Amino acid sequence: MINMKRSLKTVLGILLMVLMITGCGEAGVPDTIDRPMISIAKTGEVTEYLVGEFDAKDYYSISELSSMAAEEAARYNTASQAGTTVPVKLEKAEALEDGSGRVCIVYRYDSAGSYTGFNEGSLFYGTVGEAAAQGYNVDIALKGVNDSDGMITADQLRQAADRQLIIAPEGMYVYCPGKVQYISDNAAMAEDGSVDGTASEGPVYILLK
């Protein structure tokens, strides 16, 4: 757990009972998704999607939910921002137009580090060498997404210091900024090319080609 986790997560636990996205797509992300997800750009920017059923209560509204989300991001930025780059931005918080009563909340982070600081789950995107230097465990074997790739041993992974690696939180789909070659045993490839970590009980490792 981290000190700066969002109190908004408690509210979302009540309001967003079923994670679902419809009509909130962008480049590289499907327009209709029925799963929790993050998308990582080549620049390192991260987009997080939180969408679900809005449990209408007299003391909550979409505008109030949006204000709460924006305030949480602003508090984090005040405590963490260095320079002109804003670590966390609320992209949108709005009711979907399909009449389902669902709400879409989208956050953008300037880096995986900002995602980690703002959330309970840790996210890493960088080289294998950088992951090891930051204290992440890279002593792990990975399976190839294609049969022809076979396995990569823990020794081979450590030696691949310049390869791009993602270490994602459990329980979500991950859209990657490059072609995926190896993943950890607790993950699987989805039909749309994303990595499915929804059945995992620990961090998901993704080694890009």
Protein backbone atom coordinates (compact mmCIF):
# COMPACT_ATOMS: atom_id res chain seq x y z
CA MET A 1 0.00 0.00 0.00
CA ILE A 2 1.14 3.58 -0.57
CA ASN A 3 0.31 6.73 1.37
CA MET A 4 -1.09 8.67 -1.59
CA LYS A 5 -3.67 6.15 -2.70
CA ARG A 6 -6.92 7.73 -3.80
CA SER A 7 -9.76 8.05 -1.36
CA LEU A 8 -11.82 8.13 -4.57
CA LYS A 9 -11.13 4.38 -4.89
CA THR A 10 -13.57 3.87 -2.02
CA VAL A 11 -16.24 5.81 -3.87
CA LEU A 12 -15.55 3.94 -7.10
CA GLY A 13 -15.86 0.68 -5.20
CA ILE A 14 -19.45 1.68 -4.48
CA LEU A 15 -20.36 3.40 -7.72
CA LEU A 16 -18.45 1.32 -10.26
CA MET A 17 -19.63 -2.15 -9.38
CA VAL A 18 -18.97 -3.65 -12.82
CA LEU A 19 -15.93 -2.53 -14.82
CA MET A 20 -17.03 -1.88 -18.38
CA ILE A 21 -16.19 0.53 -21.17
CA THR A 22 -18.28 1.54 -24.16
CA GLY A 23 -17.51 4.43 -26.49
CA CYS A 24 -14.33 5.59 -24.70
CA GLY A 25 -11.78 4.33 -27.21
CA GLU A 26 -8.77 6.09 -28.62
CA ALA A 27 -5.85 5.18 -30.90
CA GLY A 28 -4.87 1.57 -30.27
CA VAL A 29 -7.81 0.93 -27.96
CA PRO A 30 -11.12 -0.66 -29.06
CA ASP A 31 -14.23 1.49 -28.90
CA THR A 32 -16.09 -1.16 -26.91
CA ILE A 33 -14.40 -3.01 -24.05
CA ASP A 34 -15.93 -5.11 -21.28
CA ARG A 35 -12.82 -5.22 -19.09
CA PRO A 36 -10.52 -3.10 -16.90
CA MET A 37 -7.50 -1.86 -18.81
CA ILE A 38 -4.48 0.36 -19.16
CA SER A 39 -2.78 1.54 -22.34
CA ILE A 40 0.93 2.44 -22.48
CA ALA A 41 2.31 4.72 -25.19
CA LYS A 42 5.84 4.51 -26.59
CA THR A 43 6.57 7.81 -24.85
CA GLY A 44 5.72 6.18 -21.51
CA GLU A 45 2.39 7.94 -21.05
CA VAL A 46 -0.24 5.72 -19.44
CA THR A 47 -4.02 5.84 -19.87
CA GLU A 48 -6.26 4.13 -17.32
CA TYR A 49 -9.93 3.34 -17.95
CA LEU A 50 -12.45 2.99 -15.13
CA VAL A 51 -15.99 2.43 -16.38
CA GLY A 52 -18.98 0.79 -14.79
CA GLU A 53 -22.52 0.94 -13.57
CA PHE A 54 -23.42 4.22 -11.89
CA ASP A 55 -25.42 3.53 -8.74
CA ALA A 56 -27.59 6.62 -8.71
CA LYS A 57 -27.91 8.19 -5.28
CA ASP A 58 -29.41 11.54 -4.36
CA TYR A 59 -26.10 12.72 -2.93
CA TYR A 60 -23.99 11.72 -5.96
CA SER A 61 -24.06 13.00 -9.51
CA ILE A 62 -21.75 12.70 -12.51
CA SER A 63 -20.49 16.22 -11.90
CA GLU A 64 -19.77 15.43 -8.24
CA LEU A 65 -17.94 12.26 -9.20
CA SER A 66 -15.92 14.21 -11.76
CA SER A 67 -15.07 16.86 -9.17
CA MET A 68 -13.92 14.23 -6.68
CA ALA A 69 -11.71 12.59 -9.29
CA ALA A 70 -10.22 15.93 -10.34
CA GLU A 71 -9.59 16.94 -6.73
CA GLU A 72 -7.76 13.68 -5.98
CA ALA A 73 -5.55 14.19 -9.04
CA ALA A 74 -4.88 17.81 -8.06
CA ARG A 75 -3.85 16.82 -4.54
CA TYR A 76 -1.45 14.23 -5.89
CA ASN A 77 0.00 16.70 -8.39
CA THR A 78 0.52 19.34 -5.70
CA ALA A 79 2.49 16.87 -3.60
CA SER A 80 4.41 15.22 -6.44
CA GLN A 81 4.84 17.55 -9.42
CA ALA A 82 8.36 18.57 -10.37
CA GLY A 83 8.77 20.90 -13.35
CA THR A 84 6.07 21.71 -15.86
CA THR A 85 4.84 18.18 -16.61
CA VAL A 86 1.59 17.32 -14.84
CA PRO A 87 1.79 13.77 -13.43
CA VAL A 88 -1.94 12.93 -13.42
CA LYS A 89 -4.77 14.36 -15.51
CA LEU A 90 -8.45 13.56 -15.38
CA GLU A 91 -9.26 13.10 -19.07
CA LYS A 92 -13.00 12.67 -18.67
CA ALA A 93 -15.75 11.60 -16.34
CA GLU A 94 -19.10 11.44 -18.05
CA ALA A 95 -22.23 9.38 -18.49
CA LEU A 96 -22.26 7.22 -21.60
CA GLU A 97 -24.80 8.14 -24.24
CA ASP A 98 -26.20 4.64 -24.71
CA GLY A 99 -28.83 5.00 -21.98
CA SER A 100 -27.25 2.25 -19.89
CA GLY A 101 -26.59 4.46 -16.89
CA ARG A 102 -22.88 3.72 -17.04
CA VAL A 103 -20.16 6.27 -16.42
CA CYS A 104 -16.72 6.52 -18.02
CA ILE A 105 -13.68 7.84 -16.11
CA VAL A 106 -10.34 8.14 -17.88
CA TYR A 107 -7.05 9.16 -16.28
CA ARG A 108 -3.81 10.02 -18.07
CA TYR A 109 -0.43 9.69 -16.37
CA ASP A 110 2.81 11.15 -17.63
CA SER A 111 4.65 7.95 -16.70
CA ALA A 112 4.35 4.52 -15.14
CA GLY A 113 5.92 6.05 -12.03
CA SER A 114 3.05 8.51 -11.68
CA TYR A 115 0.56 5.68 -12.14
CA THR A 116 2.29 3.79 -9.33
CA GLY A 117 2.30 6.82 -7.06
CA PHE A 118 -1.38 7.56 -7.60
CA ASN A 119 -2.68 4.00 -7.40
CA GLU A 120 -2.36 0.99 -5.13
CA GLY A 121 -0.87 -1.19 -7.87
CA SER A 122 2.68 -0.81 -9.20
CA LEU A 123 3.38 -0.30 -12.92
CA PHE A 124 6.81 -0.36 -14.59
CA TYR A 125 7.75 0.43 -18.19
CA GLY A 126 11.40 0.60 -19.22
CA THR A 127 14.34 -1.70 -19.85
CA VAL A 128 15.08 -4.90 -17.97
CA GLY A 129 18.19 -3.24 -16.61
CA GLU A 130 16.22 -0.27 -15.32
CA ALA A 131 13.70 -2.60 -13.67
CA ALA A 132 16.49 -4.42 -11.83
CA ALA A 133 18.10 -1.12 -10.78
CA GLN A 134 14.77 0.06 -9.33
CA GLY A 135 14.42 -3.08 -7.24
CA TYR A 136 11.92 -5.00 -9.34
CA ASN A 137 12.31 -8.76 -9.42
CA VAL A 138 13.60 -9.83 -12.84
CA ASP A 139 14.53 -13.32 -11.71
CA ILE A 140 11.64 -14.90 -13.59
CA ALA A 141 11.18 -17.13 -16.61
CA LEU A 142 8.74 -16.05 -19.32
CA LYS A 143 6.80 -17.99 -21.94
CA GLY A 144 6.74 -17.11 -25.63
CA VAL A 145 3.47 -15.89 -27.07
CA ASN A 146 4.25 -18.01 -30.14
CA ASP A 147 5.32 -21.65 -29.97
CA SER A 148 8.41 -20.82 -32.02
CA ASP A 149 9.65 -18.45 -29.31
CA GLY A 150 9.80 -21.12 -26.62
CA MET A 151 10.77 -19.91 -23.14
CA ILE A 152 13.18 -17.29 -21.91
CA THR A 153 14.91 -18.29 -18.68
CA ALA A 154 15.49 -16.00 -15.72
CA ASP A 155 19.21 -15.85 -16.61
CA GLN A 156 18.39 -14.91 -20.20
CA LEU A 157 15.98 -12.22 -19.03
CA ARG A 158 18.56 -10.64 -16.74
CA GLN A 159 21.07 -10.65 -19.59
CA ALA A 160 18.58 -8.91 -21.90
CA ALA A 161 19.22 -5.64 -20.06
CA ASP A 162 18.29 -3.39 -22.98
CA ARG A 163 14.98 -5.07 -23.87
CA GLN A 164 11.75 -3.21 -23.11
CA LEU A 165 9.82 -4.68 -20.18
CA ILE A 166 6.41 -3.98 -18.69
CA ILE A 167 5.51 -5.10 -15.16
CA ALA A 168 1.79 -4.48 -14.78
CA PRO A 169 -0.62 -4.81 -11.85
CA GLU A 170 -2.81 -7.88 -11.67
CA GLY A 171 -6.42 -7.95 -12.76
CA MET A 172 -6.45 -5.96 -16.00
CA TYR A 173 -5.78 -6.00 -19.72
CA VAL A 174 -2.63 -4.23 -20.89
CA TYR A 175 -2.28 -2.53 -24.29
CA CYS A 176 1.42 -2.33 -25.09
CA PRO A 177 3.50 0.14 -27.15
CA GLY A 178 5.17 -2.60 -29.18
CA LYS A 179 4.95 -6.24 -30.22
CA VAL A 180 4.77 -8.66 -27.31
CA GLN A 181 7.14 -11.63 -27.43
CA TYR A 182 7.17 -13.10 -23.91
CA ILE A 183 4.78 -12.98 -20.97
CA SER A 184 4.66 -14.45 -17.46
CA ASP A 185 2.75 -17.66 -16.74
CA ASN A 186 -0.05 -15.74 -15.00
CA ALA A 187 -1.02 -13.95 -18.23
CA ALA A 188 -2.38 -14.77 -21.67
CA MET A 189 -2.67 -13.05 -25.03
CA ALA A 190 -6.11 -11.71 -25.94
CA GLU A 191 -7.50 -11.86 -29.45
CA ASP A 192 -6.98 -8.12 -29.98
CA GLY A 193 -3.27 -8.32 -29.13
CA SER A 194 -3.51 -7.02 -25.58
CA VAL A 195 -2.20 -8.98 -22.61
CA ASP A 196 -4.87 -10.47 -20.35
CA GLY A 197 -3.82 -10.33 -16.70
CA THR A 198 -7.29 -10.61 -15.21
CA ALA A 199 -6.67 -14.09 -13.78
CA SER A 200 -3.30 -13.21 -12.25
CA GLU A 201 -2.56 -13.08 -8.54
CA GLY A 202 0.58 -11.03 -8.84
CA PRO A 203 2.44 -8.72 -11.23
CA VAL A 204 2.26 -9.50 -14.94
CA TYR A 205 5.54 -9.45 -16.90
CA ILE A 206 5.55 -8.50 -20.56
CA LEU A 207 8.75 -8.49 -22.64
CA LEU A 208 8.49 -6.61 -25.91
CA LYS A 209 10.18 -7.77 -29.11
